[in-house]
Amino acid sequence: PGALRSGFNCYRAAFATRGRGAFAAEPVQQPTLVLWGTQDPILPYEWSDNLGQHFSNVKLERVEGGGHFLQLEQPDLVVDRAVRFFTRG
């Protein structure tokens, strides 16, 4: 019970601020890894071309056949990429 509340609240906040919330500041400077599924029905891969507006140091990895919930669909790939990203020299 209540497990989806935080996700719904995130959407509510985004609609309430009309997108002026988290991304209103300067782009995120911290190195960022984005794994984006090519079959995501909610956030199409084509939208990834806008990442540079929000992240100045982003590494994008296209995940063929991946959907919206990569951590459930391809957990081994997600863990592998996260470990590689966080342990790079």
PDB file of N, CA and C in Angstrom:
ATOM      1  N   PRO A   1       0.826  -1.206   0.000  1.00  0.00           N
ATOM      2  CA  PRO A   1       0.000   0.000   0.000  1.00  0.00           C
ATOM      3  C   PRO A   1       0.866   1.264   0.000  1.00  0.00           C
ATOM      4  N   GLY A   2       0.525   2.186  -0.838  1.00  0.00           N
ATOM      5  CA  GLY A   2       1.236   3.463  -0.879  1.00  0.00           C
ATOM      6  C   GLY A   2       2.506   3.460  -1.700  1.00  0.00           C
ATOM      7  N   ALA A   3       2.853   2.338  -2.310  1.00  0.00           N
ATOM      8  CA  ALA A   3       4.134   2.242  -3.022  1.00  0.00           C
ATOM      9  C   ALA A   3       4.223   3.169  -4.229  1.00  0.00           C
ATOM     10  N   LEU A   4       3.129   3.497  -4.831  1.00  0.00           N
ATOM     11  CA  LEU A   4       3.153   4.350  -6.020  1.00  0.00           C
ATOM     12  C   LEU A   4       3.016   5.830  -5.699  1.00  0.00           C
ATOM     13  N   ARG A   5       2.798   6.139  -4.443  1.00  0.00           N
ATOM     14  CA  ARG A   5       2.541   7.530  -4.044  1.00  0.00           C
ATOM     15  C   ARG A   5       3.653   8.487  -4.488  1.00  0.00           C
ATOM     16  N   SER A   6       4.912   8.114  -4.283  1.00  0.00           N
ATOM     17  CA  SER A   6       6.001   9.040  -4.618  1.00  0.00           C
ATOM     18  C   SER A   6       6.062   9.311  -6.117  1.00  0.00           C
ATOM     19  N   GLY A   7       5.825   8.303  -6.928  1.00  0.00           N
ATOM     20  CA  GLY A   7       5.824   8.511  -8.369  1.00  0.00           C
ATOM     21  C   GLY A   7       4.710   9.442  -8.812  1.00  0.00           C
ATOM     22  N   PHE A   8       3.531   9.229  -8.251  1.00  0.00           N
ATOM     23  CA  PHE A   8       2.405  10.108  -8.589  1.00  0.00           C
ATOM     24  C   PHE A   8       2.656  11.527  -8.099  1.00  0.00           C
ATOM     25  N   ASN A   9       3.247  11.671  -6.929  1.00  0.00           N
ATOM     26  CA  ASN A   9       3.548  13.008  -6.407  1.00  0.00           C
ATOM     27  C   ASN A   9       4.556  13.737  -7.291  1.00  0.00           C
ATOM     28  N   CYS A  10       5.476  12.997  -7.869  1.00  0.00           N
ATOM     29  CA  CYS A  10       6.445  13.599  -8.786  1.00  0.00           C
ATOM     30  C   CYS A  10       5.721  14.189  -9.995  1.00  0.00           C
ATOM     31  N   TYR A  11       4.787  13.436 -10.550  1.00  0.00           N
ATOM     32  CA  TYR A  11       4.013  13.941 -11.683  1.00  0.00           C
ATOM     33  C   TYR A  11       3.159  15.138 -11.276  1.00  0.00           C
ATOM     34  N   ARG A  12       2.550  15.069 -10.100  1.00  0.00           N
ATOM     35  CA  ARG A  12       1.739  16.193  -9.623  1.00  0.00           C
ATOM     36  C   ARG A  12       2.581  17.465  -9.509  1.00  0.00           C
ATOM     37  N   ALA A  13       3.779  17.313  -8.960  1.00  0.00           N
ATOM     38  CA  ALA A  13       4.659  18.478  -8.806  1.00  0.00           C
ATOM     39  C   ALA A  13       5.063  19.041 -10.166  1.00  0.00           C
ATOM     40  N   ALA A  14       5.343  18.166 -11.108  1.00  0.00           N
ATOM     41  CA  ALA A  14       5.733  18.624 -12.445  1.00  0.00           C
ATOM     42  C   ALA A  14       4.601  19.400 -13.106  1.00  0.00           C
ATOM     43  N   PHE A  15       3.382  18.901 -12.971  1.00  0.00           N
ATOM     44  CA  PHE A  15       2.245  19.604 -13.572  1.00  0.00           C
ATOM     45  C   PHE A  15       1.958  20.911 -12.844  1.00  0.00           C
ATOM     46  N   ALA A  16       2.127  20.911 -11.534  1.00  0.00           N
ATOM     47  CA  ALA A  16       1.847  22.120 -10.745  1.00  0.00           C
ATOM     48  C   ALA A  16       2.820  23.245 -11.083  1.00  0.00           C
ATOM     49  N   THR A  17       4.063  22.896 -11.385  1.00  0.00           N
ATOM     50  CA  THR A  17       5.073  23.918 -11.701  1.00  0.00           C
ATOM     51  C   THR A  17       5.249  24.099 -13.206  1.00  0.00           C
ATOM     52  N   ARG A  18       4.511  23.298 -13.978  1.00  0.00           N
ATOM     53  CA  ARG A  18       4.600  23.343 -15.447  1.00  0.00           C
ATOM     54  C   ARG A  18       6.036  23.199 -15.934  1.00  0.00           C
ATOM     55  N   GLY A  19       6.756  22.279 -15.313  1.00  0.00           N
ATOM     56  CA  GLY A  19       8.113  21.992 -15.738  1.00  0.00           C
ATOM     57  C   GLY A  19       9.173  22.950 -15.246  1.00  0.00           C
ATOM     58  N   ARG A  20       8.808  23.916 -14.408  1.00  0.00           N
ATOM     59  CA  ARG A  20       9.784  24.893 -13.933  1.00  0.00           C
ATOM     60  C   ARG A  20      10.474  24.427 -12.657  1.00  0.00           C
ATOM     61  N   GLY A  21      10.278  23.194 -12.272  1.00  0.00           N
ATOM     62  CA  GLY A  21      10.820  22.683 -11.024  1.00  0.00           C
ATOM     63  C   GLY A  21      12.284  22.317 -11.107  1.00  0.00           C
ATOM     64  N   ALA A  22      12.572  21.050 -11.122  1.00  0.00           N
ATOM     65  CA  ALA A  22      13.936  20.538 -11.020  1.00  0.00           C
ATOM     66  C   ALA A  22      14.849  21.015 -12.141  1.00  0.00           C
ATOM     67  N   PHE A  23      14.321  21.229 -13.337  1.00  0.00           N
ATOM     68  CA  PHE A  23      15.168  21.569 -14.460  1.00  0.00           C
ATOM     69  C   PHE A  23      15.246  23.064 -14.731  1.00  0.00           C
ATOM     70  N   ALA A  24      14.747  23.868 -13.815  1.00  0.00           N
ATOM     71  CA  ALA A  24      14.803  25.311 -14.019  1.00  0.00           C
ATOM     72  C   ALA A  24      16.201  25.861 -13.763  1.00  0.00           C
ATOM     73  N   ALA A  25      17.008  25.145 -12.997  1.00  0.00           N
ATOM     74  CA  ALA A  25      18.363  25.592 -12.657  1.00  0.00           C
ATOM     75  C   ALA A  25      19.327  25.287 -13.804  1.00  0.00           C
ATOM     76  N   GLU A  26      20.585  25.556 -13.569  1.00  0.00           N
ATOM     77  CA  GLU A  26      21.633  25.232 -14.541  1.00  0.00           C
ATOM     78  C   GLU A  26      21.697  23.715 -14.730  1.00  0.00           C
ATOM     79  N   PRO A  27      22.254  23.276 -15.851  1.00  0.00           N
ATOM     80  CA  PRO A  27      22.390  21.832 -16.066  1.00  0.00           C
ATOM     81  C   PRO A  27      23.198  21.162 -14.952  1.00  0.00           C
ATOM     82  N   VAL A  28      22.860  19.933 -14.669  1.00  0.00           N
ATOM     83  CA  VAL A  28      23.571  19.133 -13.672  1.00  0.00           C
ATOM     84  C   VAL A  28      25.005  18.939 -14.150  1.00  0.00           C
ATOM     85  N   GLN A  29      25.967  19.247 -13.298  1.00  0.00           N
ATOM     86  CA  GLN A  29      27.385  19.136 -13.651  1.00  0.00           C
ATOM     87  C   GLN A  29      27.954  17.739 -13.366  1.00  0.00           C
ATOM     88  N   GLN A  30      27.384  17.037 -12.408  1.00  0.00           N
ATOM     89  CA  GLN A  30      27.876  15.718 -11.990  1.00  0.00           C
ATOM     90  C   GLN A  30      27.791  14.734 -13.157  1.00  0.00           C
ATOM     91  N   PRO A  31      28.824  13.908 -13.360  1.00  0.00           N
ATOM     92  CA  PRO A  31      28.733  12.883 -14.397  1.00  0.00           C
ATOM     93  C   PRO A  31      27.462  12.052 -14.195  1.00  0.00           C
ATOM     94  N   THR A  32      26.735  11.838 -15.273  1.00  0.00           N
ATOM     95  CA  THR A  32      25.435  11.182 -15.211  1.00  0.00           C
ATOM     96  C   THR A  32      25.347  10.109 -16.277  1.00  0.00           C
ATOM     97  N   LEU A  33      24.863   8.943 -15.884  1.00  0.00           N
ATOM     98  CA  LEU A  33      24.631   7.847 -16.820  1.00  0.00           C
ATOM     99  C   LEU A  33      23.132   7.713 -17.038  1.00  0.00           C
ATOM    100  N   VAL A  34      22.726   7.667 -18.299  1.00  0.00           N
ATOM    101  CA  VAL A  34      21.325   7.452 -18.635  1.00  0.00           C
ATOM    102  C   VAL A  34      21.243   6.202 -19.506  1.00  0.00           C
ATOM    103  N   LEU A  35      20.504   5.214 -19.036  1.00  0.00           N
ATOM    104  CA  LEU A  35      20.201   4.026 -19.825  1.00  0.00           C
ATOM    105  C   LEU A  35      18.791   4.219 -20.358  1.00  0.00           C
ATOM    106  N   TRP A  36      18.630   4.217 -21.664  1.00  0.00           N
ATOM    107  CA  TRP A  36      17.333   4.546 -22.257  1.00  0.00           C
ATOM    108  C   TRP A  36      16.919   3.440 -23.211  1.00  0.00           C
ATOM    109  N   GLY A  37      15.797   2.809 -22.913  1.00  0.00           N
ATOM    110  CA  GLY A  37      15.278   1.729 -23.740  1.00  0.00           C
ATOM    111  C   GLY A  37      14.686   2.230 -25.042  1.00  0.00           C
ATOM    112  N   THR A  38      14.957   1.509 -26.112  1.00  0.00           N
ATOM    113  CA  THR A  38      14.451   1.907 -27.427  1.00  0.00           C
ATOM    114  C   THR A  38      12.955   1.636 -27.588  1.00  0.00           C
ATOM    115  N   GLN A  39      12.394   0.828 -26.698  1.00  0.00           N
ATOM    116  CA  GLN A  39      10.970   0.489 -26.784  1.00  0.00           C
ATOM    117  C   GLN A  39      10.172   1.073 -25.629  1.00  0.00           C
ATOM    118  N   ASP A  40      10.671   2.140 -25.031  1.00  0.00           N
ATOM    119  CA  ASP A  40       9.959   2.779 -23.916  1.00  0.00           C
ATOM    120  C   ASP A  40       8.692   3.438 -24.469  1.00  0.00           C
ATOM    121  N   PRO A  41       7.507   2.978 -24.034  1.00  0.00           N
ATOM    122  CA  PRO A  41       6.273   3.544 -24.566  1.00  0.00           C
ATOM    123  C   PRO A  41       5.913   4.895 -23.938  1.00  0.00           C
ATOM    124  N   ILE A  42       6.583   5.271 -22.862  1.00  0.00           N
ATOM    125  CA  ILE A  42       6.261   6.504 -22.145  1.00  0.00           C
ATOM    126  C   ILE A  42       7.221   7.627 -22.522  1.00  0.00           C
ATOM    127  N   LEU A  43       8.520   7.315 -22.567  1.00  0.00           N
ATOM    128  CA  LEU A  43       9.551   8.290 -22.924  1.00  0.00           C
ATOM    129  C   LEU A  43      10.292   7.763 -24.155  1.00  0.00           C
ATOM    130  N   PRO A  44       9.877   8.138 -25.348  1.00  0.00           N
ATOM    131  CA  PRO A  44      10.513   7.624 -26.561  1.00  0.00           C
ATOM    132  C   PRO A  44      12.004   7.954 -26.613  1.00  0.00           C
ATOM    133  N   TYR A  45      12.772   7.020 -27.132  1.00  0.00           N
ATOM    134  CA  TYR A  45      14.221   7.209 -27.220  1.00  0.00           C
ATOM    135  C   TYR A  45      14.573   8.485 -27.982  1.00  0.00           C
ATOM    136  N   GLU A  46      13.759   8.876 -28.926  1.00  0.00           N
ATOM    137  CA  GLU A  46      14.022  10.078 -29.716  1.00  0.00           C
ATOM    138  C   GLU A  46      14.125  11.327 -28.843  1.00  0.00           C
ATOM    139  N   TRP A  47      13.528  11.297 -27.677  1.00  0.00           N
ATOM    140  CA  TRP A  47      13.589  12.442 -26.769  1.00  0.00           C
ATOM    141  C   TRP A  47      14.957  12.583 -26.100  1.00  0.00           C
ATOM    142  N   SER A  48      15.788  11.575 -26.214  1.00  0.00           N
ATOM    143  CA  SER A  48      17.095  11.627 -25.554  1.00  0.00           C
ATOM    144  C   SER A  48      17.985  12.736 -26.112  1.00  0.00           C
ATOM    145  N   ASP A  49      17.641  13.264 -27.269  1.00  0.00           N
ATOM    146  CA  ASP A  49      18.457  14.337 -27.841  1.00  0.00           C
ATOM    147  C   ASP A  49      18.384  15.621 -27.016  1.00  0.00           C
ATOM    148  N   ASN A  50      17.492  15.689 -26.049  1.00  0.00           N
ATOM    149  CA  ASN A  50      17.366  16.870 -25.187  1.00  0.00           C
ATOM    150  C   ASN A  50      18.162  16.764 -23.880  1.00  0.00           C
ATOM    151  N   LEU A  51      18.832  15.656 -23.655  1.00  0.00           N
ATOM    152  CA  LEU A  51      19.553  15.474 -22.391  1.00  0.00           C
ATOM    153  C   LEU A  51      20.597  16.559 -22.155  1.00  0.00           C
ATOM    154  N   GLY A  52      21.245  17.020 -23.197  1.00  0.00           N
ATOM    155  CA  GLY A  52      22.281  18.035 -23.065  1.00  0.00           C
ATOM    156  C   GLY A  52      21.775  19.346 -22.489  1.00  0.00           C
ATOM    157  N   GLN A  53      20.478  19.580 -22.560  1.00  0.00           N
ATOM    158  CA  GLN A  53      19.902  20.793 -21.977  1.00  0.00           C
ATOM    159  C   GLN A  53      19.867  20.722 -20.452  1.00  0.00           C
ATOM    160  N   HIS A  54      19.915  19.514 -19.906  1.00  0.00           N
ATOM    161  CA  HIS A  54      19.748  19.319 -18.471  1.00  0.00           C
ATOM    162  C   HIS A  54      20.974  18.743 -17.763  1.00  0.00           C
ATOM    163  N   PHE A  55      21.878  18.156 -18.550  1.00  0.00           N
ATOM    164  CA  PHE A  55      23.072  17.529 -17.990  1.00  0.00           C
ATOM    165  C   PHE A  55      24.275  17.940 -18.842  1.00  0.00           C
ATOM    166  N   SER A  56      25.302  18.500 -18.208  1.00  0.00           N
ATOM    167  CA  SER A  56      26.467  18.937 -18.982  1.00  0.00           C
ATOM    168  C   SER A  56      27.480  17.814 -19.187  1.00  0.00           C
ATOM    169  N   ASN A  57      27.375  16.748 -18.399  1.00  0.00           N
ATOM    170  CA  ASN A  57      28.334  15.648 -18.473  1.00  0.00           C
ATOM    171  C   ASN A  57      27.557  14.334 -18.439  1.00  0.00           C
ATOM    172  N   VAL A  58      26.873  14.033 -19.551  1.00  0.00           N
ATOM    173  CA  VAL A  58      25.995  12.866 -19.588  1.00  0.00           C
ATOM    174  C   VAL A  58      26.528  11.811 -20.539  1.00  0.00           C
ATOM    175  N   LYS A  59      26.411  10.576 -20.098  1.00  0.00           N
ATOM    176  CA  LYS A  59      26.719   9.439 -20.964  1.00  0.00           C
ATOM    177  C   LYS A  59      25.391   8.724 -21.204  1.00  0.00           C
ATOM    178  N   LEU A  60      24.985   8.655 -22.446  1.00  0.00           N
ATOM    179  CA  LEU A  60      23.737   8.015 -22.835  1.00  0.00           C
ATOM    180  C   LEU A  60      24.042   6.650 -23.419  1.00  0.00           C
ATOM    181  N   GLU A  61      23.346   5.641 -22.931  1.00  0.00           N
ATOM    182  CA  GLU A  61      23.475   4.314 -23.520  1.00  0.00           C
ATOM    183  C   GLU A  61      22.106   3.854 -23.990  1.00  0.00           C
ATOM    184  N   ARG A  62      22.038   3.572 -25.253  1.00  0.00           N
ATOM    185  CA  ARG A  62      20.812   3.076 -25.886  1.00  0.00           C
ATOM    186  C   ARG A  62      20.690   1.593 -25.577  1.00  0.00           C
ATOM    187  N   VAL A  63      19.545   1.189 -25.028  1.00  0.00           N
ATOM    188  CA  VAL A  63      19.324  -0.213 -24.694  1.00  0.00           C
ATOM    189  C   VAL A  63      18.292  -0.779 -25.673  1.00  0.00           C
ATOM    190  N   GLU A  64      18.777  -1.534 -26.631  1.00  0.00           N
ATOM    191  CA  GLU A  64      17.912  -2.109 -27.666  1.00  0.00           C
ATOM    192  C   GLU A  64      16.848  -3.009 -27.037  1.00  0.00           C
ATOM    193  N   GLY A  65      15.610  -2.754 -27.406  1.00  0.00           N
ATOM    194  CA  GLY A  65      14.511  -3.580 -26.929  1.00  0.00           C
ATOM    195  C   GLY A  65      14.050  -3.274 -25.521  1.00  0.00           C
ATOM    196  N   GLY A  66      14.741  -2.377 -24.837  1.00  0.00           N
ATOM    197  CA  GLY A  66      14.376  -2.050 -23.461  1.00  0.00           C
ATOM    198  C   GLY A  66      13.151  -1.160 -23.412  1.00  0.00           C
ATOM    199  N   GLY A  67      12.374  -1.327 -22.349  1.00  0.00           N
ATOM    200  CA  GLY A  67      11.181  -0.516 -22.160  1.00  0.00           C
ATOM    201  C   GLY A  67      11.382   0.546 -21.093  1.00  0.00           C
ATOM    202  N   HIS A  68      10.322   0.847 -20.379  1.00  0.00           N
ATOM    203  CA  HIS A  68      10.336   1.929 -19.384  1.00  0.00           C
ATOM    204  C   HIS A  68      10.944   1.502 -18.054  1.00  0.00           C
ATOM    205  N   PHE A  69      10.910   0.217 -17.757  1.00  0.00           N
ATOM    206  CA  PHE A  69      11.395  -0.273 -16.461  1.00  0.00           C
ATOM    207  C   PHE A  69      12.596  -1.199 -16.655  1.00  0.00           C
ATOM    208  N   LEU A  70      13.696  -0.620 -17.121  1.00  0.00           N
ATOM    209  CA  LEU A  70      14.886  -1.416 -17.436  1.00  0.00           C
ATOM    210  C   LEU A  70      15.389  -2.219 -16.246  1.00  0.00           C
ATOM    211  N   GLN A  71      15.286  -1.657 -15.033  1.00  0.00           N
ATOM    212  CA  GLN A  71      15.790  -2.368 -13.864  1.00  0.00           C
ATOM    213  C   GLN A  71      15.028  -3.672 -13.622  1.00  0.00           C
ATOM    214  N   LEU A  72      13.791  -3.769 -14.097  1.00  0.00           N
ATOM    215  CA  LEU A  72      13.026  -5.009 -13.984  1.00  0.00           C
ATOM    216  C   LEU A  72      13.190  -5.882 -15.224  1.00  0.00           C
ATOM    217  N   GLU A  73      13.297  -5.252 -16.381  1.00  0.00           N
ATOM    218  CA  GLU A  73      13.372  -5.982 -17.642  1.00  0.00           C
ATOM    219  C   GLU A  73      14.752  -6.574 -17.906  1.00  0.00           C
ATOM    220  N   GLN A  74      15.791  -5.816 -17.578  1.00  0.00           N
ATOM    221  CA  GLN A  74      17.164  -6.249 -17.844  1.00  0.00           C
ATOM    222  C   GLN A  74      18.053  -5.932 -16.639  1.00  0.00           C
ATOM    223  N   PRO A  75      17.762  -6.550 -15.497  1.00  0.00           N
ATOM    224  CA  PRO A  75      18.497  -6.190 -14.278  1.00  0.00           C
ATOM    225  C   PRO A  75      20.000  -6.435 -14.364  1.00  0.00           C
ATOM    226  N   ASP A  76      20.425  -7.488 -15.036  1.00  0.00           N
ATOM    227  CA  ASP A  76      21.861  -7.755 -15.139  1.00  0.00           C
ATOM    228  C   ASP A  76      22.576  -6.642 -15.909  1.00  0.00           C
ATOM    229  N   LEU A  77      21.953  -6.163 -16.980  1.00  0.00           N
ATOM    230  CA  LEU A  77      22.546  -5.085 -17.760  1.00  0.00           C
ATOM    231  C   LEU A  77      22.621  -3.813 -16.923  1.00  0.00           C
ATOM    232  N   VAL A  78      21.554  -3.488 -16.216  1.00  0.00           N
ATOM    233  CA  VAL A  78      21.527  -2.263 -15.406  1.00  0.00           C
ATOM    234  C   VAL A  78      22.599  -2.311 -14.319  1.00  0.00           C
ATOM    235  N   VAL A  79      22.713  -3.432 -13.633  1.00  0.00           N
ATOM    236  CA  VAL A  79      23.724  -3.557 -12.580  1.00  0.00           C
ATOM    237  C   VAL A  79      25.120  -3.467 -13.180  1.00  0.00           C
ATOM    238  N   ASP A  80      25.346  -4.150 -14.293  1.00  0.00           N
ATOM    239  CA  ASP A  80      26.661  -4.103 -14.939  1.00  0.00           C
ATOM    240  C   ASP A  80      27.048  -2.679 -15.311  1.00  0.00           C
ATOM    241  N   ARG A  81      26.129  -1.947 -15.928  1.00  0.00           N
ATOM    242  CA  ARG A  81      26.439  -0.578 -16.345  1.00  0.00           C
ATOM    243  C   ARG A  81      26.632   0.345 -15.149  1.00  0.00           C
ATOM    244  N   ALA A  82      25.852   0.160 -14.103  1.00  0.00           N
ATOM    245  CA  ALA A  82      26.000   0.995 -12.907  1.00  0.00           C
ATOM    246  C   ALA A  82      27.352   0.732 -12.237  1.00  0.00           C
ATOM    247  N   VAL A  83      27.723  -0.526 -12.112  1.00  0.00           N
ATOM    248  CA  VAL A  83      29.020  -0.859 -11.501  1.00  0.00           C
ATOM    249  C   VAL A  83      30.156  -0.271 -12.331  1.00  0.00           C
ATOM    250  N   ARG A  84      30.091  -0.427 -13.642  1.00  0.00           N
ATOM    251  CA  ARG A  84      31.129   0.144 -14.505  1.00  0.00           C
ATOM    252  C   ARG A  84      31.197   1.663 -14.359  1.00  0.00           C
ATOM    253  N   PHE A  85      30.047   2.311 -14.323  1.00  0.00           N
ATOM    254  CA  PHE A  85      30.005   3.773 -14.242  1.00  0.00           C
ATOM    255  C   PHE A  85      30.591   4.276 -12.923  1.00  0.00           C
ATOM    256  N   PHE A  86      30.197   3.634 -11.829  1.00  0.00           N
ATOM    257  CA  PHE A  86      30.629   4.125 -10.510  1.00  0.00           C
ATOM    258  C   PHE A  86      32.028   3.671 -10.121  1.00  0.00           C
ATOM    259  N   THR A  87      32.592   2.718 -10.825  1.00  0.00           N
ATOM    260  CA  THR A  87      33.943   2.264 -10.471  1.00  0.00           C
ATOM    261  C   THR A  87      34.983   2.648 -11.502  1.00  0.00           C
ATOM    262  N   ARG A  88      34.598   3.470 -12.472  1.00  0.00           N
ATOM    263  CA  ARG A  88      35.586   3.891 -13.476  1.00  0.00           C
ATOM    264  C   ARG A  88      36.684   4.695 -12.796  1.00  0.00           C
ATOM    265  N   GLY A  89      37.890   4.572 -13.327  1.00  0.00           N
ATOM    266  CA  GLY A  89      39.056   5.194 -12.726  1.00  0.00           C
ATOM    267  C   GLY A  89      38.946   6.643 -12.557  1.00  0.00           C
TER     268      GLY A  89
END
